[in-house]
Amino acid sequence: MTGRPPTAPAILHIDDVSVVVDGAPLVDQVSLTVSAGEMVGLVGPNGAGKSTLLRTVYRALRPTSGRVLLDGTDVWRMPGKQLARQLAAVLQEHAGDFELTVYEVVAMGRTPHKRPFAGDDADDRAIVTAALTELDVTDLAQAPFDRLSGGEKQRVLIARALVQQAGTIVLDEPTNHLDLRHQLDALRLVRRLGVTAVVALHDLNLAASFCDRLCVMDAGRVVAHGTPRDVLRPALLRDVYRVEADITEHPRTGLPQVIPLTAHQPAPEQEATQT
């Protein structure tokens, strides 16, 4: 992208973080270190605590205990503008009543780099235009944000995070609502940027394809972490997701692929009986 160079990727360290809400432990003593420029996938079933953990990273929810550090500095002790220059977030939920155009929403990502009440300069406009192109939303630049489809809104919000030019990015289900092409485009973009990234994903095959490591959560705790090849095992999927699945090696990429065994598939002895 054109314009000011992005902030350098940071080391993200989640140090023994717990979150308790109304007496219920949503996140329980989670520790995770993400190296500079590494992409880590946060996976697990619904209610595992993935989104809650990410909210402590981008400072939407204060941990009950533990710390979140960027290059050794507690994010909760950083000035807001400084944090926004270093860390961007793409959230699962977004307001649907923005009375702003797509261009204006994306341009909001430049705010941490400007003085109060300063307008966009030529550099800002070039960065926003480049992000609109990257996310394939240039033709929507003047469209009202609140009238977009879910997938279009998601691409616009990824573009907004992109123009923030932070070296670390947190993405909570960024592929939600996206078709297959735009899912791949979004994750390829994150990889190409070389940023430090933590990405919550439900699609295990996408996670295996794009992430250096996977961190598996269940009931608020980390139950496994490592490379996709190390983590994606039939026993783990049975224990965590309560599904039976085969893990195969993709013939072209060599990456592990998850193939769930559906209940309607007859067992071999049943097939023999029916013939």
Protein backbone atom coordinates (compact mmCIF):
# COMPACT_ATOMS: atom_id res chain seq x y z
CA MET A 1 0.00 0.00 0.00
CA THR A 2 1.05 3.58 -0.53
CA GLY A 3 1.65 6.18 2.16
CA ARG A 4 3.27 5.95 5.57
CA PRO A 5 4.92 2.63 6.37
CA PRO A 6 2.86 0.41 8.70
CA THR A 7 3.85 0.00 12.33
CA ALA A 8 6.30 -2.88 12.80
CA PRO A 9 4.75 -6.23 13.79
CA ALA A 10 4.82 -6.69 17.54
CA ILE A 11 5.14 -9.70 19.82
CA LEU A 12 1.70 -10.31 21.33
CA HIS A 13 1.73 -12.02 24.70
CA ILE A 14 -1.46 -13.11 26.43
CA ASP A 15 -0.33 -13.83 29.97
CA ASP A 16 -2.55 -16.04 32.15
CA VAL A 17 -5.73 -14.16 31.20
CA SER A 18 -9.02 -15.01 32.87
CA VAL A 19 -12.42 -13.38 32.39
CA VAL A 20 -15.25 -13.96 34.85
CA VAL A 21 -18.67 -12.43 34.17
CA ASP A 22 -21.50 -12.76 36.72
CA GLY A 23 -19.55 -15.52 38.42
CA ALA A 24 -19.11 -17.54 35.24
CA PRO A 25 -15.54 -18.15 33.98
CA LEU A 26 -15.64 -17.35 30.25
CA VAL A 27 -11.86 -17.47 29.83
CA ASP A 28 -9.78 -19.50 32.26
CA GLN A 29 -6.03 -18.82 32.65
CA VAL A 30 -5.18 -18.60 28.96
CA SER A 31 -1.59 -17.90 27.93
CA LEU A 32 -0.47 -17.50 24.33
CA THR A 33 2.51 -15.84 22.66
CA VAL A 34 2.33 -14.80 19.01
CA SER A 35 5.69 -13.97 17.44
CA ALA A 36 6.17 -10.87 15.31
CA GLY A 37 4.75 -11.53 11.86
CA GLU A 38 3.16 -14.83 12.87
CA MET A 39 -0.47 -15.73 12.09
CA VAL A 40 -2.19 -17.80 14.78
CA GLY A 41 -5.66 -19.25 14.38
CA LEU A 42 -7.97 -19.35 17.37
CA VAL A 43 -10.38 -22.26 16.88
CA GLY A 44 -12.95 -24.12 18.93
CA PRO A 45 -16.70 -24.64 19.21
CA ASN A 46 -19.26 -21.93 19.84
CA GLY A 47 -19.00 -20.66 23.41
CA ALA A 48 -15.37 -21.74 23.77
CA GLY A 49 -14.27 -18.22 24.77
CA LYS A 50 -12.52 -17.17 21.56
CA SER A 51 -14.33 -13.86 21.09
CA THR A 52 -14.13 -13.05 24.80
CA LEU A 53 -10.37 -13.59 24.77
CA LEU A 54 -9.96 -11.38 21.71
CA ARG A 55 -11.99 -8.63 23.37
CA THR A 56 -9.33 -8.45 26.09
CA VAL A 57 -6.67 -7.96 23.39
CA TYR A 58 -8.33 -5.03 21.62
CA ARG A 59 -9.38 -3.57 24.96
CA ALA A 60 -13.13 -3.97 24.79
CA LEU A 61 -13.19 -6.12 27.93
CA ARG A 62 -10.77 -5.86 30.84
CA PRO A 63 -9.42 -9.22 32.03
CA THR A 64 -10.42 -10.28 35.52
CA SER A 65 -6.81 -11.35 35.94
CA GLY A 66 -3.74 -11.62 33.76
CA ARG A 67 -2.26 -9.23 31.18
CA VAL A 68 -2.13 -8.62 27.44
CA LEU A 69 1.24 -7.29 26.28
CA LEU A 70 2.39 -5.77 22.98
CA ASP A 71 6.19 -5.85 22.82
CA GLY A 72 6.19 -6.04 26.61
CA THR A 73 3.77 -3.15 27.24
CA ASP A 74 0.40 -3.79 28.84
CA VAL A 75 -2.26 -2.72 26.32
CA TRP A 76 -4.46 -1.50 29.17
CA ARG A 77 -1.78 1.02 30.16
CA MET A 78 -1.22 2.39 26.67
CA PRO A 79 -2.82 5.66 25.50
CA GLY A 80 -5.70 4.87 23.18
CA LYS A 81 -4.19 6.59 20.17
CA GLN A 82 -0.88 4.81 20.62
CA LEU A 83 -2.61 1.44 20.83
CA ALA A 84 -4.68 2.19 17.72
CA ARG A 85 -1.49 2.85 15.77
CA GLN A 86 -0.12 -0.52 16.79
CA LEU A 87 -3.19 -2.76 16.88
CA ALA A 88 -6.25 -2.98 14.64
CA ALA A 89 -9.34 -5.14 15.08
CA VAL A 90 -11.94 -6.60 12.75
CA LEU A 91 -14.94 -7.58 14.85
CA GLN A 92 -17.59 -10.20 14.38
CA GLU A 93 -20.38 -7.77 15.15
CA HIS A 94 -20.80 -4.31 13.66
CA ALA A 95 -23.32 -1.52 13.91
CA GLY A 96 -25.80 -1.51 11.06
CA ASP A 97 -26.96 2.07 11.35
CA PHE A 98 -23.85 4.01 10.32
CA GLU A 99 -25.04 7.14 8.54
CA LEU A 100 -21.79 7.15 6.60
CA THR A 101 -20.64 6.16 3.15
CA VAL A 102 -18.31 3.23 2.63
CA TYR A 103 -15.44 5.65 1.92
CA GLU A 104 -16.09 7.51 5.19
CA VAL A 105 -16.17 4.28 7.21
CA VAL A 106 -12.87 3.11 5.74
CA ALA A 107 -11.30 6.56 6.21
CA MET A 108 -12.06 6.32 9.95
CA GLY A 109 -9.11 3.96 10.15
CA ARG A 110 -6.77 6.89 9.49
CA THR A 111 -7.87 8.71 12.69
CA PRO A 112 -4.99 7.45 14.91
CA HIS A 113 -2.48 8.97 12.47
CA LYS A 114 -4.00 12.48 12.42
CA ARG A 115 -4.28 15.47 14.70
CA PRO A 116 -7.72 16.14 16.23
CA PHE A 117 -10.21 17.46 13.67
CA ALA A 118 -7.65 17.23 10.84
CA GLY A 119 -9.03 16.37 7.44
CA ASP A 120 -7.72 13.77 5.03
CA ASP A 121 -4.59 14.73 3.14
CA ALA A 122 -3.42 13.28 -0.19
CA ASP A 123 -1.55 10.52 1.62
CA ASP A 124 -4.66 9.48 3.57
CA ARG A 125 -6.78 9.47 0.42
CA ALA A 126 -4.24 7.30 -1.40
CA ILE A 127 -4.17 4.78 1.46
CA VAL A 128 -7.99 4.60 1.62
CA THR A 129 -8.29 4.21 -2.15
CA ALA A 130 -5.72 1.40 -2.13
CA ALA A 131 -7.61 -0.42 0.65
CA LEU A 132 -10.92 -0.12 -1.21
CA THR A 133 -9.24 -1.73 -4.20
CA GLU A 134 -7.63 -4.49 -2.12
CA LEU A 135 -11.01 -5.49 -0.68
CA ASP A 136 -12.88 -5.17 -3.99
CA VAL A 137 -15.26 -2.46 -2.73
CA THR A 138 -14.18 0.49 -4.88
CA ASP A 139 -17.53 0.55 -6.66
CA LEU A 140 -19.26 0.88 -3.26
CA ALA A 141 -17.23 3.89 -2.10
CA GLN A 142 -20.19 6.29 -2.09
CA ALA A 143 -22.82 3.74 -1.04
CA PRO A 144 -24.41 4.06 2.44
CA PHE A 145 -22.73 1.57 4.74
CA ASP A 146 -25.99 0.61 6.44
CA ARG A 147 -27.49 -0.60 3.16
CA LEU A 148 -24.76 -3.11 2.36
CA SER A 149 -25.06 -6.87 2.59
CA GLY A 150 -23.34 -8.65 5.47
CA GLY A 151 -20.46 -9.73 3.25
CA GLU A 152 -19.97 -6.24 1.84
CA LYS A 153 -19.94 -4.74 5.33
CA GLN A 154 -17.33 -7.26 6.42
CA ARG A 155 -15.03 -6.37 3.53
CA VAL A 156 -15.43 -2.66 4.30
CA LEU A 157 -14.47 -3.21 7.94
CA ILE A 158 -11.41 -5.21 6.91
CA ALA A 159 -10.47 -2.28 4.66
CA ARG A 160 -10.88 0.09 7.62
CA ALA A 161 -8.47 -2.03 9.67
CA LEU A 162 -6.08 -2.13 6.74
CA VAL A 163 -5.78 1.66 6.48
CA GLN A 164 -4.97 1.80 10.19
CA GLN A 165 -1.59 0.39 9.14
CA ALA A 166 -1.05 -1.32 12.48
CA GLY A 167 1.61 -3.99 12.79
CA THR A 168 -0.70 -6.26 14.80
CA ILE A 169 -4.25 -7.20 13.88
CA VAL A 170 -6.97 -9.17 15.65
CA LEU A 171 -9.74 -10.64 13.52
CA ASP A 172 -12.86 -12.23 15.01
CA GLU A 173 -14.45 -14.46 12.36
CA PRO A 174 -13.40 -12.20 9.46
CA THR A 175 -14.72 -14.67 6.88
CA ASN A 176 -18.28 -14.58 8.24
CA HIS A 177 -20.74 -13.69 5.46
CA LEU A 178 -18.02 -13.81 2.79
CA ASP A 179 -18.25 -16.00 -0.28
CA LEU A 180 -15.40 -18.42 -0.98
CA ARG A 181 -13.44 -16.05 -3.20
CA HIS A 182 -13.53 -13.19 -0.70
CA GLN A 183 -12.72 -15.53 2.21
CA LEU A 184 -9.53 -16.53 0.43
CA ASP A 185 -8.76 -12.96 -0.63
CA ALA A 186 -9.12 -11.64 2.94
CA LEU A 187 -6.87 -14.27 4.51
CA ARG A 188 -4.30 -14.02 1.71
CA LEU A 189 -4.19 -10.28 2.33
CA VAL A 190 -3.48 -10.75 6.04
CA ARG A 191 -0.67 -13.16 5.21
CA ARG A 192 0.77 -10.87 2.57
CA LEU A 193 0.89 -7.91 4.96
CA GLY A 194 3.30 -9.77 7.23
CA VAL A 195 1.57 -8.46 10.35
CA THR A 196 1.25 -10.23 13.68
CA ALA A 197 -2.25 -11.69 13.48
CA VAL A 198 -4.65 -13.61 15.72
CA VAL A 199 -7.65 -14.85 13.76
CA ALA A 200 -10.69 -16.59 15.23
CA LEU A 201 -12.02 -19.01 12.63
CA HIS A 202 -14.69 -21.70 12.52
CA ASP A 203 -13.53 -23.23 9.24
CA LEU A 204 -10.74 -25.60 10.23
CA ASN A 205 -9.59 -26.11 6.65
CA LEU A 206 -9.14 -22.37 6.15
CA ALA A 207 -7.30 -22.20 9.47
CA ALA A 208 -4.99 -25.05 8.44
CA SER A 209 -4.31 -23.39 5.08
CA PHE A 210 -3.38 -19.92 6.35
CA CYS A 211 -2.24 -20.12 9.97
CA ASP A 212 1.25 -20.92 11.23
CA ARG A 213 -0.16 -22.31 14.45
CA LEU A 214 -3.57 -23.17 15.87
CA CYS A 215 -4.74 -22.56 19.43
CA VAL A 216 -7.75 -24.72 20.28
CA MET A 217 -10.10 -23.48 22.98
CA ASP A 218 -12.90 -25.34 24.73
CA ALA A 219 -14.92 -24.16 27.73
CA GLY A 220 -12.67 -21.13 28.17
CA ARG A 221 -9.39 -23.02 28.28
CA VAL A 222 -6.64 -23.82 25.79
CA VAL A 223 -6.79 -27.56 25.17
CA ALA A 224 -4.23 -27.82 22.36
CA HIS A 225 -1.84 -25.64 20.40
CA GLY A 226 0.76 -26.22 17.74
CA THR A 227 1.03 -26.46 13.98
CA PRO A 228 -2.13 -27.46 12.08
CA ARG A 229 -0.53 -30.85 11.38
CA ASP A 230 0.11 -31.41 15.10
CA VAL A 231 -3.26 -30.16 16.32
CA LEU A 232 -5.80 -31.47 13.84
CA ARG A 233 -6.30 -35.05 14.97
CA PRO A 234 -9.46 -37.20 14.93
CA ALA A 235 -9.32 -37.64 18.71
CA LEU A 236 -9.19 -33.89 19.32
CA LEU A 237 -12.12 -33.22 16.99
CA ARG A 238 -14.07 -35.95 18.74
CA ASP A 239 -13.33 -34.52 22.20
CA VAL A 240 -13.71 -30.80 21.41
CA TYR A 241 -16.26 -30.66 18.58
CA ARG A 242 -18.07 -33.95 19.32
CA VAL A 243 -17.75 -35.05 15.69
CA GLU A 244 -16.08 -37.92 13.91
CA ALA A 245 -13.77 -36.82 11.12
CA ASP A 246 -10.95 -38.08 8.95
CA ILE A 247 -7.79 -36.00 8.60
CA THR A 248 -6.14 -36.35 5.21
CA GLU A 249 -3.17 -34.69 3.54
CA HIS A 250 -4.05 -32.49 0.60
CA PRO A 251 -2.38 -34.03 -2.47
CA ARG A 252 -1.15 -30.66 -3.81
CA THR A 253 -0.40 -28.58 -0.71
CA GLY A 254 0.45 -31.30 1.79
CA LEU A 255 -1.68 -29.49 4.37
CA PRO A 256 -4.07 -31.36 6.67
CA GLN A 257 -7.70 -31.38 5.57
CA VAL A 258 -10.67 -32.14 7.83
CA ILE A 259 -13.38 -34.35 6.34
CA PRO A 260 -16.34 -34.78 8.73
CA LEU A 261 -18.08 -38.14 8.61
CA THR A 262 -21.77 -37.38 8.17
CA ALA A 263 -24.42 -39.41 9.94
CA HIS A 264 -26.28 -40.29 6.73
CA GLN A 265 -23.29 -42.14 5.29
CA PRO A 266 -24.06 -45.86 5.70
CA ALA A 267 -21.49 -48.12 7.28
CA PRO A 268 -19.81 -50.62 4.94
CA GLU A 269 -21.84 -53.57 6.31
CA GLN A 270 -25.07 -51.60 5.71
CA GLU A 271 -24.08 -50.98 2.10
CA ALA A 272 -23.41 -54.66 1.60
CA THR A 273 -26.84 -55.55 3.02
CA GLN A 274 -28.64 -53.11 0.74
CA THR A 275 -27.10 -54.42 -2.50
